[in-house]
Every structure is written in C-alpha cells, then in structure tokens.
Amino acid sequence: MPVIDGEHLEQLKLYRRPRGQIIFANLVLKADYRFPRRTSIKIEGIENLPATGGAILAMNHTDRFNYWPFQYQMYRHGLPFTATWVKGKYYENAFMTWFLNQTNNIPLPSRGYLLTTSFREHAGRVPTGEEYRYLRDLTNGVDVAERTCSDAISSLLGDSPGDFATDFEGRFETLMRRVMALNSRAVHELGLNLLVFPEGTRSLTLKPGHTGLVEVSQFLQLPIIPVGCNGSNHLYPGNSPLSKGGDVVYRVGPPLAVDGPELSPHRIVDDAVPFSRRIKQDHGDKLEAMTKIVMRGIETLLDPQYQSSAEDDGDGGAGSARFV
C-alpha cells in the first residue's frame, strides 16, 4: 500500500505547465462543463490573482471537487497553474497516487497520518481510537506514564517511549522540510500558486482554519490570497467527479502580504519548520491571530449560506480514520 515517505517526496516532480492538468482540462472538464448540463464558472476579483504566481490561494472547501472549476477558469484566462496541498490518505490507492502525481499535487503527511501509518506498518492494522489518542498525546508531550496501553503500543514503543517520541518528531520534521522544499520550488522556481484548504476538511459552511497555512506563508514569505467558493456543492453534491451543471462563483480578495498591514503585527522570523511542535509552542498566539485574519478574509467573500455556522461539523472523520 503506497505511503508518503521521504523517497516519494524526493521523486515527486512539479511542472510550470503540468501536462496532467492540461490534458484533464481539455479532454474531461471542457466537455463536462459544456454538455449535457452546462456549468457556468465566474471569478470575481480575478485581478487579485498574480500574473506570475508565487502566492498561496486559501479557499473554503465545500465539496470534493470545488477547486476544479477554479483551476479550469484560471487555465482559460492564461493564469499560472497551481500546486494543491493534498492529504496523505489520498495516496493510499495506487491509481490515485499516479493521478495526483501527474496533476501537480503536493502531499501533506500530517502528524496524525505519520503516526497512523507507522502503527499500521508495525501492527498490520490501524490503531483504535484509544491507541491513536495515546500515541498522539505521547508525541505532543503529554505525560502518559500512568496510563495503560495495548500490547501493540508497547511493542511499538519498546523500552523507551521518550525515545520513540523524539525519533518521531525528528522523522516528521525531516518530511516537512522536504515538503517545504517542494512548496518553495513550486512558487519560487516554477511560478506556480499554492492552492490550500485551511479548514482541513470539507464543510458546507466555513470552519475555523488550521495554522499550517500561515506557518508556510511566514516560512516561505508568501502572500495569502483569500478565495471564496460559492455554489460548487450543487455541481458536485456527491462523490461523482462529473458536474451536474449550474453556477459557481469564486470571489478573490486582495492579497495579505506577510509584511502588509493585516499580518505584519504578527510577523514571525524563525527557522522552525512549519507544522513542528516548536513553531506552535513558540508562536502559537501569533499563528492563531493570523489564521483568524485569513478566515475572516474568506468569509467576506462567501454568500450567507456558506458563512460560518456552529451546526456543521464537516466530514473529516475522527481519530485515525482521518488519515487512512
């Protein structure tokens, strides 16, 4: 079963003009959006999209495929291509791995993904909810000395749980540095934009964002451009990648520069790798403040039915189910 590891990241190639995206746009999306149920795609504020790439596009995530019409319309306008962040769990299938590799996607192996796959490789199964929480607490620095654990956990940790946590953090940071190298190459060498869903899960209404987006923005000194997606859930109400037709409107807000008036009061100058424990421990308040600014920027671009609501919990799953 494919797993995102250092070897995969080393071999992954990104392209200024990704052949996979171009072929998919011309052979699949072009026909799908015209026949038999016509799809109308509009981008408002398109002048806010950089002509030379080099930005992070932060979009709400209403459905599985809500970025396809956006990418297609950018392609038709001659704008730079994108490299999209994708969860590690979508690389569990060999065909999906091939497709994602051909279409300029960057896998993001989260801490939970690495813990879950490490346990699965050792035990031959995914961890239970209790086992996953034990490992997550251990690697987050929570004292678990008084808690009992399963035989599988004991076997995985060996004689020194502390050594496991230290080794895990080192492996995770090594993977993240390779991921950051891919992101840097995408924007600084290839002139791509990064396409990111800061909520980390699909949800009809806007959820609070995770801080990883601003961590990468600060680390690579990239502006963040809020994008509000309205109507795509009617095009893609289920799991089918074919549009049912209708109208989708993307609204693009002004860029939020790292040294601009909105984010500069919270500027972070640190070589701590994004998603690491240290960056959150040292700069957690600033990261949260910047994330709220970005999410407010997205919310102002949404129709009322897509704005934040406490009633919609998204569909990200729970425990290790979110990662495999």
C-alpha atoms as a PDB file:
ATOM      1  CA  MET A   1       0.000   0.000   0.000  1.00  0.00           C
ATOM      2  CA  PRO A   2       1.546   3.359  -1.022  1.00  0.00           C
ATOM      3  CA  VAL A   3       2.753   5.543   1.847  1.00  0.00           C
ATOM      4  CA  ILE A   4       4.032   9.105   1.724  1.00  0.00           C
ATOM      5  CA  ASP A   5       7.658   8.984   2.807  1.00  0.00           C
ATOM      6  CA  GLY A   6      10.949  10.676   2.036  1.00  0.00           C
ATOM      7  CA  GLU A   7      11.525   8.596  -1.089  1.00  0.00           C
ATOM      8  CA  HIS A   8       8.149   9.564  -2.543  1.00  0.00           C
ATOM      9  CA  LEU A   9       8.776  13.239  -1.861  1.00  0.00           C
ATOM     10  CA  GLU A  10      12.249  13.081  -3.384  1.00  0.00           C
ATOM     11  CA  GLN A  11      10.883  11.574  -6.613  1.00  0.00           C
ATOM     12  CA  LEU A  12       7.863  13.862  -6.931  1.00  0.00           C
ATOM     13  CA  LYS A  13       8.085  16.268  -9.873  1.00  0.00           C
ATOM     14  CA  LEU A  14       6.237  19.559 -10.306  1.00  0.00           C
ATOM     15  CA  TYR A  15       5.870  21.422 -13.585  1.00  0.00           C
ATOM     16  CA  ARG A  16       5.324  25.016 -14.642  1.00  0.00           C
ATOM     17  CA  ARG A  17       2.812  23.694 -17.183  1.00  0.00           C
ATOM     18  CA  PRO A  18       1.645  20.355 -15.752  1.00  0.00           C
ATOM     19  CA  ARG A  19       0.713  18.068 -18.625  1.00  0.00           C
ATOM     20  CA  GLY A  20      -1.755  16.159 -16.455  1.00  0.00           C
ATOM     21  CA  GLN A  21      -3.774  19.285 -15.624  1.00  0.00           C
ATOM     22  CA  ILE A  22      -3.782  20.423 -19.255  1.00  0.00           C
ATOM     23  CA  ILE A  23      -4.914  17.048 -20.604  1.00  0.00           C
ATOM     24  CA  PHE A  24      -7.581  16.701 -17.924  1.00  0.00           C
ATOM     25  CA  ALA A  25      -8.860  20.228 -18.591  1.00  0.00           C
ATOM     26  CA  ASN A  26      -9.143  19.710 -22.354  1.00  0.00           C
ATOM     27  CA  LEU A  27     -10.349  16.123 -22.505  1.00  0.00           C
ATOM     28  CA  VAL A  28     -12.605  15.965 -19.440  1.00  0.00           C
ATOM     29  CA  LEU A  29     -13.517  19.318 -17.897  1.00  0.00           C
ATOM     30  CA  LYS A  30     -14.074  21.202 -21.165  1.00  0.00           C
ATOM     31  CA  ALA A  31     -16.683  18.703 -22.321  1.00  0.00           C
ATOM     32  CA  ASP A  32     -18.159  18.176 -18.868  1.00  0.00           C
ATOM     33  CA  TYR A  33     -18.758  21.879 -18.280  1.00  0.00           C
ATOM     34  CA  ARG A  34     -20.428  22.318 -21.695  1.00  0.00           C
ATOM     35  CA  PHE A  35     -22.520  19.167 -22.121  1.00  0.00           C
ATOM     36  CA  PRO A  36     -25.065  17.937 -21.259  1.00  0.00           C
ATOM     37  CA  ARG A  37     -25.678  20.164 -18.200  1.00  0.00           C
ATOM     38  CA  ARG A  38     -23.899  23.437 -18.764  1.00  0.00           C
ATOM     39  CA  THR A  39     -21.717  24.742 -15.932  1.00  0.00           C
ATOM     40  CA  SER A  40     -21.227  28.483 -15.550  1.00  0.00           C
ATOM     41  CA  ILE A  41     -17.972  29.493 -13.847  1.00  0.00           C
ATOM     42  CA  LYS A  42     -17.300  33.068 -12.782  1.00  0.00           C
ATOM     43  CA  ILE A  43     -14.284  34.537 -10.998  1.00  0.00           C
ATOM     44  CA  GLU A  44     -14.889  37.924  -9.395  1.00  0.00           C
ATOM     45  CA  GLY A  45     -11.796  39.882  -8.402  1.00  0.00           C
ATOM     46  CA  ILE A  46      -9.650  37.967 -10.877  1.00  0.00           C
ATOM     47  CA  GLU A  47      -7.318  40.979 -10.976  1.00  0.00           C
ATOM     48  CA  ASN A  48      -6.173  39.967  -7.475  1.00  0.00           C
ATOM     49  CA  LEU A  49      -4.614  36.766  -8.844  1.00  0.00           C
ATOM     50  CA  PRO A  50      -0.906  37.278  -9.603  1.00  0.00           C
ATOM     51  CA  ALA A  51       0.076  37.001 -13.257  1.00  0.00           C
ATOM     52  CA  THR A  52       3.389  35.404 -12.299  1.00  0.00           C
ATOM     53  CA  GLY A  53       2.296  33.081  -9.486  1.00  0.00           C
ATOM     54  CA  GLY A  54       4.097  32.949  -6.154  1.00  0.00           C
ATOM     55  CA  ALA A  55       1.133  33.152  -3.771  1.00  0.00           C
ATOM     56  CA  ILE A  56      -0.946  30.908  -1.549  1.00  0.00           C
ATOM     57  CA  LEU A  57      -4.602  30.750  -2.582  1.00  0.00           C
ATOM     58  CA  ALA A  58      -6.685  29.975   0.519  1.00  0.00           C
ATOM     59  CA  MET A  59     -10.133  28.583  -0.376  1.00  0.00           C
ATOM     60  CA  ASN A  60     -13.082  27.174   1.551  1.00  0.00           C
ATOM     61  CA  HIS A  61     -13.776  23.508   0.825  1.00  0.00           C
ATOM     62  CA  THR A  62     -17.486  22.813   0.257  1.00  0.00           C
ATOM     63  CA  ASP A  63     -17.174  19.563  -1.706  1.00  0.00           C
ATOM     64  CA  ARG A  64     -14.708  17.065  -3.130  1.00  0.00           C
ATOM     65  CA  PHE A  65     -14.051  18.870  -6.422  1.00  0.00           C
ATOM     66  CA  ASN A  66     -14.695  22.555  -5.793  1.00  0.00           C
ATOM     67  CA  TYR A  67     -11.196  23.519  -6.938  1.00  0.00           C
ATOM     68  CA  TRP A  68     -11.592  22.011 -10.440  1.00  0.00           C
ATOM     69  CA  PRO A  69     -13.807  24.763 -11.919  1.00  0.00           C
ATOM     70  CA  PHE A  70     -11.467  27.362 -10.406  1.00  0.00           C
ATOM     71  CA  GLN A  71      -8.363  25.769 -11.879  1.00  0.00           C
ATOM     72  CA  TYR A  72     -10.114  25.355 -15.234  1.00  0.00           C
ATOM     73  CA  GLN A  73     -11.135  29.011 -15.401  1.00  0.00           C
ATOM     74  CA  MET A  74      -7.632  30.158 -14.408  1.00  0.00           C
ATOM     75  CA  TYR A  75      -6.241  27.991 -17.219  1.00  0.00           C
ATOM     76  CA  ARG A  76      -8.652  29.545 -19.735  1.00  0.00           C
ATOM     77  CA  HIS A  77      -7.526  33.030 -18.636  1.00  0.00           C
ATOM     78  CA  GLY A  78      -3.865  32.144 -19.080  1.00  0.00           C
ATOM     79  CA  LEU A  79      -3.054  32.484 -15.380  1.00  0.00           C
ATOM     80  CA  PRO A  80      -0.331  30.418 -13.683  1.00  0.00           C
ATOM     81  CA  PHE A  81      -1.079  26.824 -12.758  1.00  0.00           C
ATOM     82  CA  THR A  82      -1.465  25.636  -9.197  1.00  0.00           C
ATOM     83  CA  ALA A  83       0.076  23.041  -6.926  1.00  0.00           C
ATOM     84  CA  THR A  84      -2.547  21.833  -4.471  1.00  0.00           C
ATOM     85  CA  TRP A  85      -1.979  20.515  -0.956  1.00  0.00           C
ATOM     86  CA  VAL A  86      -3.444  17.030  -0.620  1.00  0.00           C
ATOM     87  CA  LYS A  87      -3.841  14.871   2.489  1.00  0.00           C
ATOM     88  CA  GLY A  88      -1.573  11.865   2.739  1.00  0.00           C
ATOM     89  CA  LYS A  89      -4.531   9.467   2.962  1.00  0.00           C
ATOM     90  CA  TYR A  90      -5.432  10.116  -0.680  1.00  0.00           C
ATOM     91  CA  TYR A  91      -2.217   8.358  -1.663  1.00  0.00           C
ATOM     92  CA  GLU A  92      -3.386   5.029  -0.220  1.00  0.00           C
ATOM     93  CA  ASN A  93      -4.558   3.899  -3.673  1.00  0.00           C
ATOM     94  CA  ALA A  94      -2.014   3.270  -6.456  1.00  0.00           C
ATOM     95  CA  PHE A  95      -4.175   4.810  -9.216  1.00  0.00           C
ATOM     96  CA  MET A  96      -4.956   7.894  -7.120  1.00  0.00           C
ATOM     97  CA  THR A  97      -1.256   8.249  -6.347  1.00  0.00           C
ATOM     98  CA  TRP A  98      -0.459   8.202 -10.066  1.00  0.00           C
ATOM     99  CA  PHE A  99      -3.228  10.716 -10.896  1.00  0.00           C
ATOM    100  CA  LEU A 100      -2.228  13.106  -8.111  1.00  0.00           C
ATOM    101  CA  ASN A 101       1.422  12.915  -9.133  1.00  0.00           C
ATOM    102  CA  GLN A 102       0.529  13.806 -12.726  1.00  0.00           C
ATOM    103  CA  THR A 103      -1.552  16.852 -11.798  1.00  0.00           C
ATOM    104  CA  ASN A 104       0.812  18.934  -9.645  1.00  0.00           C
ATOM    105  CA  ASN A 105      -0.333  17.991  -6.155  1.00  0.00           C
ATOM    106  CA  ILE A 106       1.845  18.215  -3.059  1.00  0.00           C
ATOM    107  CA  PRO A 107       1.172  15.553  -0.395  1.00  0.00           C
ATOM    108  CA  LEU A 108       0.964  16.833   3.150  1.00  0.00           C
ATOM    109  CA  PRO A 109       1.726  13.967   5.550  1.00  0.00           C
ATOM    110  CA  SER A 110       0.325  15.278   8.826  1.00  0.00           C
ATOM    111  CA  ARG A 111       1.458  14.159  12.253  1.00  0.00           C
ATOM    112  CA  GLY A 112      -1.675  12.037  12.556  1.00  0.00           C
ATOM    113  CA  TYR A 113      -1.011  10.422   9.181  1.00  0.00           C
ATOM    114  CA  LEU A 114       2.581   9.561  10.112  1.00  0.00           C
ATOM    115  CA  LEU A 115       1.508   8.137  13.482  1.00  0.00           C
ATOM    116  CA  THR A 116      -1.260   6.058  11.928  1.00  0.00           C
ATOM    117  CA  THR A 117       0.865   4.650   9.111  1.00  0.00           C
ATOM    118  CA  SER A 118       3.775   3.948  11.491  1.00  0.00           C
ATOM    119  CA  PHE A 119       1.455   1.951  13.744  1.00  0.00           C
ATOM    120  CA  ARG A 120      -0.085   0.141  10.771  1.00  0.00           C
ATOM    121  CA  GLU A 121       3.325  -0.858   9.412  1.00  0.00           C
ATOM    122  CA  HIS A 122       4.255  -2.255  12.829  1.00  0.00           C
ATOM    123  CA  ALA A 123       0.977  -3.914  13.867  1.00  0.00           C
ATOM    124  CA  GLY A 124      -0.596  -4.737  10.499  1.00  0.00           C
ATOM    125  CA  ARG A 125      -3.746  -2.749  11.302  1.00  0.00           C
ATOM    126  CA  VAL A 126      -4.802   0.816  12.009  1.00  0.00           C
ATOM    127  CA  PRO A 127      -4.844   1.917  15.653  1.00  0.00           C
ATOM    128  CA  THR A 128      -8.045   2.023  17.643  1.00  0.00           C
ATOM    129  CA  GLY A 129      -9.266   5.408  18.827  1.00  0.00           C
ATOM    130  CA  GLU A 130      -7.746   4.800  22.258  1.00  0.00           C
ATOM    131  CA  GLU A 131      -4.423   3.689  20.790  1.00  0.00           C
ATOM    132  CA  TYR A 132      -4.273   6.683  18.461  1.00  0.00           C
ATOM    133  CA  ARG A 133      -5.009   9.110  21.315  1.00  0.00           C
ATOM    134  CA  TYR A 134      -2.241   7.520  23.417  1.00  0.00           C
ATOM    135  CA  LEU A 135       0.317   7.963  20.637  1.00  0.00           C
ATOM    136  CA  ARG A 136      -0.875  11.484  19.843  1.00  0.00           C
ATOM    137  CA  ASP A 137      -0.622  12.557  23.480  1.00  0.00           C
ATOM    138  CA  LEU A 138       2.797  10.948  23.832  1.00  0.00           C
ATOM    139  CA  THR A 139       4.224  12.746  20.801  1.00  0.00           C
ATOM    140  CA  ASN A 140       2.579  16.011  21.887  1.00  0.00           C
ATOM    141  CA  GLY A 141       4.491  15.915  25.173  1.00  0.00           C
ATOM    142  CA  VAL A 142       1.575  14.844  27.389  1.00  0.00           C
ATOM    143  CA  ASP A 143       2.544  12.664  30.367  1.00  0.00           C
ATOM    144  CA  VAL A 144       1.116   9.198  29.686  1.00  0.00           C
ATOM    145  CA  ALA A 145       3.177   7.332  32.307  1.00  0.00           C
ATOM    146  CA  GLU A 146       0.150   6.447  34.420  1.00  0.00           C
ATOM    147  CA  ARG A 147      -1.986   5.278  31.511  1.00  0.00           C
ATOM    148  CA  THR A 148      -2.223   1.681  30.386  1.00  0.00           C
ATOM    149  CA  CYS A 149      -1.608   0.874  26.753  1.00  0.00           C
ATOM    150  CA  SER A 150      -2.241  -2.064  24.455  1.00  0.00           C
ATOM    151  CA  ASP A 151       0.272  -4.788  23.678  1.00  0.00           C
ATOM    152  CA  ALA A 152       0.611  -3.350  20.159  1.00  0.00           C
ATOM    153  CA  ILE A 153       1.519   0.064  21.568  1.00  0.00           C
ATOM    154  CA  SER A 154       4.013  -1.483  23.998  1.00  0.00           C
ATOM    155  CA  SER A 155       5.647  -3.393  21.161  1.00  0.00           C
ATOM    156  CA  LEU A 156       5.850  -0.257  19.002  1.00  0.00           C
ATOM    157  CA  LEU A 157       7.352   1.917  21.754  1.00  0.00           C
ATOM    158  CA  GLY A 158       9.855  -0.626  23.053  1.00  0.00           C
ATOM    159  CA  ASP A 159      11.658   0.101  26.314  1.00  0.00           C
ATOM    160  CA  SER A 160      11.715   3.881  25.916  1.00  0.00           C
ATOM    161  CA  PRO A 161       8.534   5.773  24.950  1.00  0.00           C
ATOM    162  CA  GLY A 162      10.535   9.005  25.211  1.00  0.00           C
ATOM    163  CA  ASP A 163      12.948   7.826  22.536  1.00  0.00           C
ATOM    164  CA  PHE A 164      10.005   6.960  20.285  1.00  0.00           C
ATOM    165  CA  ALA A 165       8.569  10.474  20.687  1.00  0.00           C
ATOM    166  CA  THR A 166      11.932  12.091  19.971  1.00  0.00           C
ATOM    167  CA  ASP A 167      12.544   9.893  16.944  1.00  0.00           C
ATOM    168  CA  PHE A 168       9.025  10.546  15.674  1.00  0.00           C
ATOM    169  CA  GLU A 169       9.482  14.309  15.894  1.00  0.00           C
ATOM    170  CA  GLY A 170      12.761  14.052  14.001  1.00  0.00           C
ATOM    171  CA  ARG A 171      11.206  11.946  11.235  1.00  0.00           C
ATOM    172  CA  PHE A 172       8.251  14.299  10.980  1.00  0.00           C
ATOM    173  CA  GLU A 173      10.440  17.407  10.723  1.00  0.00           C
ATOM    174  CA  THR A 174      12.569  15.722   8.039  1.00  0.00           C
ATOM    175  CA  LEU A 175       9.445  15.013   5.990  1.00  0.00           C
ATOM    176  CA  MET A 176       8.178  18.557   6.500  1.00  0.00           C
ATOM    177  CA  ARG A 177      11.454  20.065   5.316  1.00  0.00           C
ATOM    178  CA  ARG A 178      11.135  18.057   2.118  1.00  0.00           C
ATOM    179  CA  VAL A 179       7.543  19.207   1.750  1.00  0.00           C
ATOM    180  CA  MET A 180       8.673  22.810   2.246  1.00  0.00           C
ATOM    181  CA  ALA A 181      11.360  22.325  -0.411  1.00  0.00           C
ATOM    182  CA  LEU A 182       8.630  21.230  -2.841  1.00  0.00           C
ATOM    183  CA  ASN A 183       6.492  24.254  -1.945  1.00  0.00           C
ATOM    184  CA  SER A 184       9.465  26.587  -2.342  1.00  0.00           C
ATOM    185  CA  ARG A 185      10.318  25.170  -5.745  1.00  0.00           C
ATOM    186  CA  ALA A 186       6.678  25.433  -6.833  1.00  0.00           C
ATOM    187  CA  VAL A 187       6.404  29.158  -6.146  1.00  0.00           C
ATOM    188  CA  HIS A 188       9.963  30.483  -6.409  1.00  0.00           C
ATOM    189  CA  GLU A 189      11.282  28.444  -9.346  1.00  0.00           C
ATOM    190  CA  LEU A 190       8.203  27.391 -11.321  1.00  0.00           C
ATOM    191  CA  GLY A 191       5.956  30.418 -10.766  1.00  0.00           C
ATOM    192  CA  LEU A 192       3.032  28.336  -9.510  1.00  0.00           C
ATOM    193  CA  ASN A 193       0.452  29.302  -6.932  1.00  0.00           C
ATOM    194  CA  LEU A 194      -0.210  27.015  -3.985  1.00  0.00           C
ATOM    195  CA  LEU A 195      -3.876  26.079  -3.541  1.00  0.00           C
ATOM    196  CA  VAL A 196      -4.749  25.328   0.086  1.00  0.00           C
ATOM    197  CA  PHE A 197      -7.904  24.491   2.046  1.00  0.00           C
ATOM    198  CA  PRO A 198      -7.153  25.887   5.513  1.00  0.00           C
ATOM    199  CA  GLU A 199     -10.171  24.230   7.161  1.00  0.00           C
ATOM    200  CA  GLY A 200      -8.521  20.837   6.677  1.00  0.00           C
ATOM    201  CA  THR A 201     -11.857  19.173   5.917  1.00  0.00           C
ATOM    202  CA  ARG A 202     -14.880  19.570   3.682  1.00  0.00           C
ATOM    203  CA  SER A 203     -17.735  21.594   5.120  1.00  0.00           C
ATOM    204  CA  LEU A 204     -20.665  23.422   3.545  1.00  0.00           C
ATOM    205  CA  THR A 205     -20.191  26.308   5.962  1.00  0.00           C
ATOM    206  CA  LEU A 206     -16.850  27.853   6.847  1.00  0.00           C
ATOM    207  CA  LYS A 207     -14.961  26.230   9.739  1.00  0.00           C
ATOM    208  CA  PRO A 208     -12.042  27.650  11.771  1.00  0.00           C
ATOM    209  CA  GLY A 209      -8.766  27.326   9.897  1.00  0.00           C
ATOM    210  CA  HIS A 210      -5.665  25.396  10.884  1.00  0.00           C
ATOM    211  CA  THR A 211      -2.457  27.354  11.347  1.00  0.00           C
ATOM    212  CA  GLY A 212      -0.363  25.398   8.818  1.00  0.00           C
ATOM    213  CA  LEU A 213      -1.300  27.821   6.056  1.00  0.00           C
ATOM    214  CA  VAL A 214       0.184  30.858   7.817  1.00  0.00           C
ATOM    215  CA  GLU A 215       3.153  28.831   9.060  1.00  0.00           C
ATOM    216  CA  VAL A 216       4.125  28.128   5.452  1.00  0.00           C
ATOM    217  CA  SER A 217       3.329  31.697   4.401  1.00  0.00           C
ATOM    218  CA  GLN A 218       5.697  33.060   7.044  1.00  0.00           C
ATOM    219  CA  PHE A 219       8.399  30.449   6.402  1.00  0.00           C
ATOM    220  CA  LEU A 220       8.460  30.981   2.619  1.00  0.00           C
ATOM    221  CA  GLN A 221       7.433  34.689   2.773  1.00  0.00           C
ATOM    222  CA  LEU A 222       4.415  34.208   0.524  1.00  0.00           C
ATOM    223  CA  PRO A 223       1.303  36.384   0.321  1.00  0.00           C
ATOM    224  CA  ILE A 224      -2.024  34.720   1.084  1.00  0.00           C
ATOM    225  CA  ILE A 225      -4.969  35.423  -1.221  1.00  0.00           C
ATOM    226  CA  PRO A 226      -8.417  34.555   0.205  1.00  0.00           C
ATOM    227  CA  VAL A 227     -10.807  32.845  -2.236  1.00  0.00           C
ATOM    228  CA  GLY A 228     -14.495  32.273  -1.515  1.00  0.00           C
ATOM    229  CA  CYS A 229     -16.210  29.436  -3.401  1.00  0.00           C
ATOM    230  CA  ASN A 230     -19.988  29.757  -3.803  1.00  0.00           C
ATOM    231  CA  GLY A 231     -22.223  27.157  -5.475  1.00  0.00           C
ATOM    232  CA  SER A 232     -19.838  24.310  -6.238  1.00  0.00           C
ATOM    233  CA  ASN A 233     -21.681  21.969  -3.878  1.00  0.00           C
ATOM    234  CA  HIS A 234     -24.599  22.000  -6.352  1.00  0.00           C
ATOM    235  CA  LEU A 235     -22.236  20.982  -9.168  1.00  0.00           C
ATOM    236  CA  TYR A 236     -20.696  18.201  -7.098  1.00  0.00           C
ATOM    237  CA  PRO A 237     -23.252  17.114  -4.470  1.00  0.00           C
ATOM    238  CA  GLY A 238     -21.754  13.640  -4.033  1.00  0.00           C
ATOM    239  CA  ASN A 239     -18.708  11.624  -4.983  1.00  0.00           C
ATOM    240  CA  SER A 240     -19.130  11.838  -8.746  1.00  0.00           C
ATOM    241  CA  PRO A 241     -16.370  13.851 -10.484  1.00  0.00           C
ATOM    242  CA  LEU A 242     -18.841  14.895 -13.217  1.00  0.00           C
ATOM    243  CA  SER A 243     -20.621  18.212 -12.780  1.00  0.00           C
ATOM    244  CA  LYS A 244     -24.403  18.217 -12.550  1.00  0.00           C
ATOM    245  CA  GLY A 245     -24.411  21.705 -14.063  1.00  0.00           C
ATOM    246  CA  GLY A 246     -25.254  25.059 -12.547  1.00  0.00           C
ATOM    247  CA  ASP A 247     -23.496  28.229 -11.457  1.00  0.00           C
ATOM    248  CA  VAL A 248     -20.370  28.602  -9.341  1.00  0.00           C
ATOM    249  CA  VAL A 249     -18.897  31.954  -8.335  1.00  0.00           C
ATOM    250  CA  TYR A 250     -15.389  32.398  -6.952  1.00  0.00           C
ATOM    251  CA  ARG A 251     -14.599  35.704  -5.275  1.00  0.00           C
ATOM    252  CA  VAL A 252     -10.931  36.587  -4.906  1.00  0.00           C
ATOM    253  CA  GLY A 253      -9.892  39.014  -2.204  1.00  0.00           C
ATOM    254  CA  PRO A 254      -6.844  41.318  -2.025  1.00  0.00           C
ATOM    255  CA  PRO A 255      -3.532  39.650  -1.108  1.00  0.00           C
ATOM    256  CA  LEU A 256      -2.476  39.513   2.531  1.00  0.00           C
ATOM    257  CA  ALA A 257       1.287  40.109   2.401  1.00  0.00           C
ATOM    258  CA  VAL A 258       3.488  38.867   5.243  1.00  0.00           C
ATOM    259  CA  ASP A 259       4.670  42.455   5.802  1.00  0.00           C
ATOM    260  CA  GLY A 260       1.319  44.047   4.946  1.00  0.00           C
ATOM    261  CA  PRO A 261      -0.842  45.964   7.422  1.00  0.00           C
ATOM    262  CA  GLU A 262      -3.015  42.982   8.352  1.00  0.00           C
ATOM    263  CA  LEU A 263      -0.340  40.370   9.083  1.00  0.00           C
ATOM    264  CA  SER A 264       2.815  42.363   9.864  1.00  0.00           C
ATOM    265  CA  PRO A 265       1.876  42.933  13.561  1.00  0.00           C
ATOM    266  CA  HIS A 266       2.153  39.154  13.970  1.00  0.00           C
ATOM    267  CA  ARG A 267       5.220  38.581  11.775  1.00  0.00           C
ATOM    268  CA  ILE A 268       7.324  35.530  12.652  1.00  0.00           C
ATOM    269  CA  VAL A 269      11.025  35.418  11.808  1.00  0.00           C
ATOM    270  CA  ASP A 270      12.108  31.915  12.763  1.00  0.00           C
ATOM    271  CA  ASP A 271      13.675  28.929  11.036  1.00  0.00           C
ATOM    272  CA  ALA A 272      11.343  26.490  12.822  1.00  0.00           C
ATOM    273  CA  VAL A 273       9.894  24.126  10.256  1.00  0.00           C
ATOM    274  CA  PRO A 274       6.137  24.564   9.650  1.00  0.00           C
ATOM    275  CA  PHE A 275       3.848  22.071  11.441  1.00  0.00           C
ATOM    276  CA  SER A 276       6.542  21.298  14.033  1.00  0.00           C
ATOM    277  CA  ARG A 277       5.860  21.321  17.766  1.00  0.00           C
ATOM    278  CA  ARG A 278       8.366  24.137  18.297  1.00  0.00           C
ATOM    279  CA  ILE A 279       6.740  26.657  15.996  1.00  0.00           C
ATOM    280  CA  LYS A 280       3.405  26.171  17.724  1.00  0.00           C
ATOM    281  CA  GLN A 281       4.936  26.311  21.191  1.00  0.00           C
ATOM    282  CA  ASP A 282       6.929  29.470  20.454  1.00  0.00           C
ATOM    283  CA  HIS A 283       4.465  31.343  18.254  1.00  0.00           C
ATOM    284  CA  GLY A 284       1.037  29.807  18.855  1.00  0.00           C
ATOM    285  CA  ASP A 285      -0.751  33.086  19.629  1.00  0.00           C
ATOM    286  CA  LYS A 286       0.596  34.825  16.527  1.00  0.00           C
ATOM    287  CA  LEU A 287      -0.271  31.873  14.318  1.00  0.00           C
ATOM    288  CA  GLU A 288      -3.834  31.781  15.618  1.00  0.00           C
ATOM    289  CA  ALA A 289      -4.229  35.537  15.158  1.00  0.00           C
ATOM    290  CA  MET A 290      -3.057  35.409  11.537  1.00  0.00           C
ATOM    291  CA  THR A 291      -5.229  32.383  10.787  1.00  0.00           C
ATOM    292  CA  LYS A 292      -8.305  34.222  12.044  1.00  0.00           C
ATOM    293  CA  ILE A 293      -7.458  37.157   9.757  1.00  0.00           C
ATOM    294  CA  VAL A 294      -7.255  34.827   6.750  1.00  0.00           C
ATOM    295  CA  MET A 295     -10.521  33.065   7.618  1.00  0.00           C
ATOM    296  CA  ARG A 296     -12.310  36.379   8.056  1.00  0.00           C
ATOM    297  CA  GLY A 297     -10.994  37.335   4.635  1.00  0.00           C
ATOM    298  CA  ILE A 298     -12.520  34.194   3.134  1.00  0.00           C
ATOM    299  CA  GLU A 299     -15.815  34.691   4.969  1.00  0.00           C
ATOM    300  CA  THR A 300     -16.334  38.165   3.500  1.00  0.00           C
ATOM    301  CA  LEU A 301     -16.234  36.530   0.035  1.00  0.00           C
ATOM    302  CA  LEU A 302     -18.955  33.972   0.777  1.00  0.00           C
ATOM    303  CA  ASP A 303     -22.704  34.053   0.294  1.00  0.00           C
ATOM    304  CA  PRO A 304     -24.583  33.807   3.625  1.00  0.00           C
ATOM    305  CA  GLN A 305     -25.316  30.076   3.297  1.00  0.00           C
ATOM    306  CA  TYR A 306     -21.591  29.321   3.205  1.00  0.00           C
ATOM    307  CA  GLN A 307     -20.505  31.534   6.080  1.00  0.00           C
ATOM    308  CA  SER A 308     -19.530  30.060   9.444  1.00  0.00           C
ATOM    309  CA  SER A 309     -22.056  28.011  11.369  1.00  0.00           C
ATOM    310  CA  ALA A 310     -21.650  26.040  14.582  1.00  0.00           C
ATOM    311  CA  GLU A 311     -24.103  23.419  13.284  1.00  0.00           C
ATOM    312  CA  ASP A 312     -21.903  21.982  10.522  1.00  0.00           C
ATOM    313  CA  ASP A 313     -19.100  19.750  11.804  1.00  0.00           C
ATOM    314  CA  GLY A 314     -17.709  18.829   8.373  1.00  0.00           C
ATOM    315  CA  ASP A 315     -16.902  15.269   7.337  1.00  0.00           C
ATOM    316  CA  GLY A 316     -13.271  14.829   8.325  1.00  0.00           C
ATOM    317  CA  GLY A 317     -13.920  11.764  10.478  1.00  0.00           C
ATOM    318  CA  ALA A 318     -12.462  11.056  13.899  1.00  0.00           C
ATOM    319  CA  GLY A 319      -9.267   9.508  15.245  1.00  0.00           C
ATOM    320  CA  SER A 320      -7.052   7.630  12.818  1.00  0.00           C
ATOM    321  CA  ALA A 321      -9.959   7.418  10.314  1.00  0.00           C
ATOM    322  CA  ARG A 322      -8.998  10.928   9.192  1.00  0.00           C
ATOM    323  CA  PHE A 323      -5.640   9.722   7.922  1.00  0.00           C
ATOM    324  CA  VAL A 324      -6.178   6.385   6.121  1.00  0.00           C
END
